[in-house]
Amino acid sequence: MTLNSKKQSTTSVPSQSKFTETLLRIGYRFSLPRVFDDFLTMSMAACTRNPETHLSYYETEYLKTIAYYKDSELRYEFPTAFSELILEMEERVYSELGNDVLGEFFEQHISFGRNEHFLLLH
């Protein structure tokens, strides 16, 4: 009697990135498309600074955006997601995966790979 043994697959499914986990954590409480859009708005605000006022050029938009989350502890997760995004992009800059972390997140979790135009409204 011959036993036919099956080899187990050595291919592992990559785990989600910390960036993805953080946005999904916020998205469980709030609408994920809105969370993604708000993350982009707040990230843009964080990356600009008016040298005269020392505030972001988008300070008003930032304050309006973060106000939606004022009653949730999850509001503190947005800066964490931003730092995780930067770290992941830096780690992948020379990778064959590329470093379009935002594009990948959008395709996998917002558009689900559909080739459609999405309008993210609040």
N, C-alpha and C. Protein backbone atom coordinates (compact mmCIF):
# COMPACT_ATOMS: atom_id res chain seq x y z
N MET A 1 0.85 -1.16 0.00
CA MET A 1 0.00 0.00 0.00
C MET A 1 0.90 1.23 0.00
N THR A 2 0.66 2.08 -0.96
CA THR A 2 1.45 3.30 -1.09
C THR A 2 0.65 4.48 -0.57
N LEU A 3 1.29 5.26 0.28
CA LEU A 3 0.63 6.46 0.79
C LEU A 3 0.97 7.62 -0.11
N ASN A 4 -0.02 8.31 -0.51
CA ASN A 4 0.18 9.49 -1.36
C ASN A 4 0.15 10.72 -0.46
N SER A 5 1.31 11.24 -0.17
CA SER A 5 1.35 12.40 0.72
C SER A 5 1.28 13.68 -0.10
N LYS A 6 0.54 14.61 0.44
CA LYS A 6 0.41 15.91 -0.21
C LYS A 6 1.34 16.88 0.48
N LYS A 7 2.04 17.64 -0.31
CA LYS A 7 2.90 18.67 0.25
C LYS A 7 2.06 19.89 0.58
N GLN A 8 2.36 20.47 1.71
CA GLN A 8 1.68 21.69 2.06
C GLN A 8 2.28 22.83 1.29
N SER A 9 1.45 23.77 0.94
CA SER A 9 1.91 24.94 0.21
C SER A 9 2.82 25.78 1.09
N THR A 10 3.93 26.22 0.51
CA THR A 10 4.83 27.08 1.25
C THR A 10 4.56 28.54 0.93
N THR A 11 3.59 28.79 0.08
CA THR A 11 3.23 30.16 -0.25
C THR A 11 2.38 30.72 0.87
N SER A 12 2.81 31.84 1.41
CA SER A 12 2.04 32.44 2.49
C SER A 12 1.35 33.69 1.99
N VAL A 13 0.20 33.93 2.56
CA VAL A 13 -0.55 35.12 2.22
C VAL A 13 0.07 36.28 3.00
N PRO A 14 0.45 37.36 2.30
CA PRO A 14 1.06 38.47 3.02
C PRO A 14 0.06 39.10 3.98
N SER A 15 0.55 39.47 5.14
CA SER A 15 -0.33 40.11 6.10
C SER A 15 -0.58 41.55 5.68
N GLN A 16 -1.64 42.11 6.21
CA GLN A 16 -1.96 43.49 5.89
C GLN A 16 -0.92 44.40 6.52
N SER A 17 -0.68 45.49 5.85
CA SER A 17 0.27 46.46 6.38
C SER A 17 -0.33 47.17 7.58
N LYS A 18 0.52 47.78 8.39
CA LYS A 18 0.04 48.54 9.54
C LYS A 18 -0.80 49.72 9.08
N PHE A 19 -0.43 50.32 7.95
CA PHE A 19 -1.23 51.42 7.39
C PHE A 19 -2.64 50.93 7.10
N THR A 20 -2.75 49.82 6.38
CA THR A 20 -4.05 49.26 6.03
C THR A 20 -4.84 48.90 7.28
N GLU A 21 -4.20 48.25 8.24
CA GLU A 21 -4.89 47.87 9.47
C GLU A 21 -5.44 49.10 10.19
N THR A 22 -4.68 50.17 10.22
CA THR A 22 -5.11 51.37 10.93
C THR A 22 -6.32 52.00 10.24
N LEU A 23 -6.26 52.17 8.91
CA LEU A 23 -7.41 52.76 8.22
C LEU A 23 -8.64 51.87 8.32
N LEU A 24 -8.44 50.57 8.24
CA LEU A 24 -9.59 49.66 8.38
C LEU A 24 -10.19 49.74 9.77
N ARG A 25 -9.34 49.89 10.78
CA ARG A 25 -9.83 50.03 12.16
C ARG A 25 -10.74 51.25 12.29
N ILE A 26 -10.34 52.36 11.69
CA ILE A 26 -11.18 53.56 11.72
C ILE A 26 -12.42 53.33 10.87
N GLY A 27 -12.24 52.66 9.74
CA GLY A 27 -13.34 52.40 8.82
C GLY A 27 -14.41 51.47 9.37
N TYR A 28 -14.07 50.66 10.37
CA TYR A 28 -15.09 49.81 11.00
C TYR A 28 -16.11 50.66 11.74
N ARG A 29 -15.68 51.78 12.24
CA ARG A 29 -16.58 52.68 12.99
C ARG A 29 -17.26 53.70 12.08
N PHE A 30 -16.50 54.16 11.10
CA PHE A 30 -16.99 55.18 10.17
C PHE A 30 -16.95 54.61 8.76
N SER A 31 -17.55 55.27 7.82
CA SER A 31 -17.55 54.83 6.43
C SER A 31 -16.12 54.82 5.89
N LEU A 32 -15.66 53.67 5.40
CA LEU A 32 -14.29 53.56 4.92
C LEU A 32 -13.98 54.52 3.77
N PRO A 33 -14.87 54.70 2.78
CA PRO A 33 -14.56 55.71 1.75
C PRO A 33 -14.38 57.10 2.34
N ARG A 34 -15.20 57.44 3.33
CA ARG A 34 -15.04 58.75 3.96
C ARG A 34 -13.72 58.83 4.73
N VAL A 35 -13.39 57.79 5.46
CA VAL A 35 -12.14 57.75 6.21
C VAL A 35 -10.96 57.94 5.27
N PHE A 36 -10.97 57.26 4.14
CA PHE A 36 -9.88 57.38 3.17
C PHE A 36 -9.80 58.81 2.64
N ASP A 37 -10.92 59.37 2.26
CA ASP A 37 -10.95 60.74 1.75
C ASP A 37 -10.48 61.73 2.82
N ASP A 38 -10.95 61.55 4.03
CA ASP A 38 -10.54 62.44 5.12
C ASP A 38 -9.06 62.28 5.43
N PHE A 39 -8.57 61.06 5.35
CA PHE A 39 -7.14 60.82 5.56
C PHE A 39 -6.32 61.60 4.53
N LEU A 40 -6.74 61.57 3.28
CA LEU A 40 -6.03 62.30 2.23
C LEU A 40 -6.06 63.81 2.50
N THR A 41 -7.20 64.33 2.90
CA THR A 41 -7.33 65.76 3.20
C THR A 41 -6.40 66.15 4.34
N MET A 42 -6.43 65.38 5.41
CA MET A 42 -5.60 65.72 6.57
C MET A 42 -4.11 65.53 6.27
N SER A 43 -3.77 64.56 5.46
CA SER A 43 -2.37 64.36 5.08
C SER A 43 -1.86 65.53 4.25
N MET A 44 -2.68 65.99 3.34
CA MET A 44 -2.31 67.15 2.53
C MET A 44 -2.09 68.36 3.42
N ALA A 45 -2.96 68.55 4.38
CA ALA A 45 -2.84 69.68 5.30
C ALA A 45 -1.56 69.57 6.13
N ALA A 46 -1.22 68.35 6.52
CA ALA A 46 -0.03 68.15 7.34
C ALA A 46 1.26 68.43 6.58
N CYS A 47 1.19 68.35 5.27
CA CYS A 47 2.41 68.50 4.45
C CYS A 47 2.61 69.90 3.90
N THR A 48 1.77 70.82 4.28
CA THR A 48 1.92 72.19 3.79
C THR A 48 2.02 73.14 4.97
N ARG A 49 2.73 74.22 4.75
CA ARG A 49 2.86 75.22 5.82
C ARG A 49 3.05 76.59 5.20
N ASN A 50 2.21 77.50 5.60
CA ASN A 50 2.32 78.88 5.17
C ASN A 50 3.40 79.54 6.01
N PRO A 51 4.48 80.02 5.39
CA PRO A 51 5.58 80.59 6.18
C PRO A 51 5.20 81.86 6.94
N GLU A 52 4.17 82.54 6.50
CA GLU A 52 3.75 83.76 7.19
C GLU A 52 2.92 83.47 8.43
N THR A 53 2.00 82.50 8.34
CA THR A 53 1.12 82.21 9.47
C THR A 53 1.61 81.01 10.30
N HIS A 54 2.53 80.24 9.74
CA HIS A 54 3.03 79.02 10.36
C HIS A 54 1.94 77.96 10.53
N LEU A 55 0.87 78.12 9.81
CA LEU A 55 -0.21 77.14 9.78
C LEU A 55 -0.24 76.49 8.42
N SER A 56 -0.95 75.40 8.32
CA SER A 56 -1.13 74.75 7.04
C SER A 56 -1.91 75.66 6.10
N TYR A 57 -1.62 75.59 4.82
CA TYR A 57 -2.44 76.30 3.84
C TYR A 57 -3.88 75.77 3.88
N TYR A 58 -4.03 74.56 4.38
CA TYR A 58 -5.33 73.90 4.42
C TYR A 58 -5.83 73.73 5.85
N GLU A 59 -5.47 74.65 6.72
CA GLU A 59 -5.85 74.57 8.13
C GLU A 59 -7.37 74.48 8.32
N THR A 60 -8.10 75.30 7.58
CA THR A 60 -9.56 75.30 7.70
C THR A 60 -10.14 73.95 7.30
N GLU A 61 -9.65 73.39 6.19
CA GLU A 61 -10.14 72.08 5.75
C GLU A 61 -9.79 71.00 6.76
N TYR A 62 -8.58 71.08 7.32
CA TYR A 62 -8.16 70.10 8.33
C TYR A 62 -9.10 70.14 9.54
N LEU A 63 -9.33 71.33 10.07
CA LEU A 63 -10.17 71.47 11.26
C LEU A 63 -11.60 71.00 11.00
N LYS A 64 -12.11 71.31 9.82
CA LYS A 64 -13.46 70.87 9.46
C LYS A 64 -13.50 69.33 9.35
N THR A 65 -12.46 68.76 8.78
CA THR A 65 -12.41 67.31 8.58
C THR A 65 -12.29 66.56 9.90
N ILE A 66 -11.36 66.98 10.75
CA ILE A 66 -11.13 66.26 12.01
C ILE A 66 -12.29 66.45 12.98
N ALA A 67 -13.06 67.52 12.83
CA ALA A 67 -14.21 67.76 13.71
C ALA A 67 -15.22 66.63 13.66
N TYR A 68 -15.35 65.98 12.52
CA TYR A 68 -16.28 64.87 12.36
C TYR A 68 -15.96 63.73 13.36
N TYR A 69 -14.71 63.60 13.72
CA TYR A 69 -14.24 62.51 14.58
C TYR A 69 -14.02 62.95 16.04
N LYS A 70 -14.46 64.15 16.38
CA LYS A 70 -14.13 64.74 17.69
C LYS A 70 -14.58 63.91 18.88
N ASP A 71 -15.64 63.14 18.75
CA ASP A 71 -16.15 62.36 19.87
C ASP A 71 -15.62 60.93 19.89
N SER A 72 -14.65 60.64 19.04
CA SER A 72 -14.12 59.28 18.96
C SER A 72 -12.62 59.27 19.25
N GLU A 73 -12.21 58.29 20.02
CA GLU A 73 -10.77 58.10 20.28
C GLU A 73 -10.04 57.74 18.99
N LEU A 74 -10.76 57.29 17.99
CA LEU A 74 -10.14 56.91 16.73
C LEU A 74 -9.52 58.11 16.00
N ARG A 75 -9.87 59.32 16.41
CA ARG A 75 -9.29 60.50 15.77
C ARG A 75 -7.77 60.52 15.92
N TYR A 76 -7.29 59.88 16.97
CA TYR A 76 -5.84 59.82 17.21
C TYR A 76 -5.13 58.82 16.30
N GLU A 77 -5.90 58.04 15.59
CA GLU A 77 -5.32 57.04 14.69
C GLU A 77 -4.86 57.64 13.36
N PHE A 78 -5.39 58.80 12.98
CA PHE A 78 -5.00 59.40 11.70
C PHE A 78 -3.50 59.74 11.63
N PRO A 79 -2.92 60.37 12.65
CA PRO A 79 -1.47 60.61 12.58
C PRO A 79 -0.67 59.30 12.56
N THR A 80 -1.17 58.29 13.26
CA THR A 80 -0.52 56.98 13.23
C THR A 80 -0.54 56.41 11.82
N ALA A 81 -1.69 56.49 11.16
CA ALA A 81 -1.80 56.00 9.79
C ALA A 81 -0.86 56.75 8.86
N PHE A 82 -0.74 58.06 9.06
CA PHE A 82 0.15 58.86 8.23
C PHE A 82 1.61 58.40 8.39
N SER A 83 2.05 58.21 9.61
CA SER A 83 3.43 57.77 9.82
C SER A 83 3.64 56.36 9.27
N GLU A 84 2.65 55.49 9.42
CA GLU A 84 2.76 54.14 8.87
C GLU A 84 2.80 54.15 7.35
N LEU A 85 2.05 55.06 6.74
CA LEU A 85 2.09 55.20 5.28
C LEU A 85 3.49 55.59 4.82
N ILE A 86 4.07 56.60 5.45
CA ILE A 86 5.40 57.06 5.07
C ILE A 86 6.42 55.94 5.24
N LEU A 87 6.38 55.24 6.36
CA LEU A 87 7.32 54.15 6.60
C LEU A 87 7.18 53.06 5.54
N GLU A 88 5.96 52.69 5.23
CA GLU A 88 5.74 51.64 4.23
C GLU A 88 6.21 52.08 2.85
N MET A 89 5.94 53.32 2.50
CA MET A 89 6.39 53.82 1.20
C MET A 89 7.92 53.82 1.12
N GLU A 90 8.58 54.22 2.20
CA GLU A 90 10.04 54.22 2.22
C GLU A 90 10.60 52.81 2.13
N GLU A 91 10.00 51.86 2.85
CA GLU A 91 10.45 50.48 2.81
C GLU A 91 10.31 49.87 1.42
N ARG A 92 9.32 50.31 0.69
CA ARG A 92 9.03 49.70 -0.61
C ARG A 92 9.56 50.50 -1.80
N VAL A 93 10.29 51.56 -1.56
CA VAL A 93 10.70 52.45 -2.65
C VAL A 93 11.48 51.71 -3.74
N TYR A 94 12.30 50.75 -3.40
CA TYR A 94 13.06 50.00 -4.39
C TYR A 94 12.56 48.58 -4.58
N SER A 95 11.40 48.30 -4.01
CA SER A 95 10.82 46.97 -4.09
C SER A 95 10.14 46.76 -5.43
N GLU A 96 10.05 45.50 -5.82
CA GLU A 96 9.31 45.18 -7.05
C GLU A 96 7.82 45.45 -6.89
N LEU A 97 7.36 45.58 -5.66
CA LEU A 97 5.96 45.92 -5.40
C LEU A 97 5.65 47.37 -5.75
N GLY A 98 6.68 48.21 -5.75
CA GLY A 98 6.46 49.63 -5.92
C GLY A 98 5.99 50.23 -4.61
N ASN A 99 5.84 51.54 -4.59
CA ASN A 99 5.44 52.15 -3.32
C ASN A 99 4.15 52.96 -3.41
N ASP A 100 3.27 52.54 -4.31
CA ASP A 100 1.97 53.21 -4.42
C ASP A 100 0.99 52.61 -3.42
N VAL A 101 1.27 52.83 -2.17
CA VAL A 101 0.49 52.26 -1.08
C VAL A 101 -0.94 52.81 -1.10
N LEU A 102 -1.08 54.09 -1.34
CA LEU A 102 -2.43 54.69 -1.38
C LEU A 102 -3.26 54.12 -2.54
N GLY A 103 -2.64 53.99 -3.70
CA GLY A 103 -3.34 53.43 -4.85
C GLY A 103 -3.78 52.00 -4.60
N GLU A 104 -2.91 51.21 -4.01
CA GLU A 104 -3.25 49.83 -3.69
C GLU A 104 -4.40 49.75 -2.69
N PHE A 105 -4.34 50.60 -1.67
CA PHE A 105 -5.41 50.61 -0.68
C PHE A 105 -6.74 50.97 -1.35
N PHE A 106 -6.72 51.99 -2.19
CA PHE A 106 -7.94 52.40 -2.88
C PHE A 106 -8.51 51.26 -3.73
N GLU A 107 -7.64 50.61 -4.50
CA GLU A 107 -8.11 49.52 -5.37
C GLU A 107 -8.66 48.34 -4.58
N GLN A 108 -8.01 48.01 -3.48
CA GLN A 108 -8.41 46.82 -2.71
C GLN A 108 -9.59 47.06 -1.78
N HIS A 109 -9.71 48.28 -1.25
CA HIS A 109 -10.70 48.50 -0.19
C HIS A 109 -11.78 49.52 -0.50
N ILE A 110 -11.59 50.31 -1.54
CA ILE A 110 -12.59 51.31 -1.89
C ILE A 110 -13.26 50.95 -3.22
N SER A 111 -12.47 50.74 -4.28
CA SER A 111 -13.07 50.42 -5.58
C SER A 111 -13.18 48.93 -5.83
N PHE A 112 -12.51 48.13 -4.99
CA PHE A 112 -12.50 46.67 -5.13
C PHE A 112 -12.12 46.23 -6.53
N GLY A 113 -11.17 46.96 -7.13
CA GLY A 113 -10.64 46.60 -8.43
C GLY A 113 -11.49 47.01 -9.62
N ARG A 114 -12.63 47.61 -9.36
CA ARG A 114 -13.48 48.04 -10.49
C ARG A 114 -12.87 49.28 -11.11
N ASN A 115 -12.98 49.37 -12.39
CA ASN A 115 -12.43 50.51 -13.12
C ASN A 115 -13.52 51.55 -13.30
N GLU A 116 -13.88 52.15 -12.20
CA GLU A 116 -14.94 53.16 -12.21
C GLU A 116 -14.41 54.43 -11.56
N HIS A 117 -15.06 55.52 -11.84
CA HIS A 117 -14.70 56.77 -11.19
C HIS A 117 -15.51 56.88 -9.91
N PHE A 118 -14.83 57.15 -8.83
CA PHE A 118 -15.49 57.29 -7.55
C PHE A 118 -15.44 58.74 -7.12
N LEU A 119 -16.55 59.19 -6.65
CA LEU A 119 -16.64 60.53 -6.10
C LEU A 119 -16.91 60.36 -4.62
N LEU A 120 -15.92 60.73 -3.81
CA LEU A 120 -16.05 60.56 -2.38
C LEU A 120 -16.62 61.84 -1.79
N LEU A 121 -17.86 61.77 -1.39
CA LEU A 121 -18.53 62.94 -0.82
C LEU A 121 -18.86 62.69 0.64
N HIS A 122 -18.93 63.75 1.36
CA HIS A 122 -19.30 63.67 2.77
C HIS A 122 -20.77 63.93 2.92
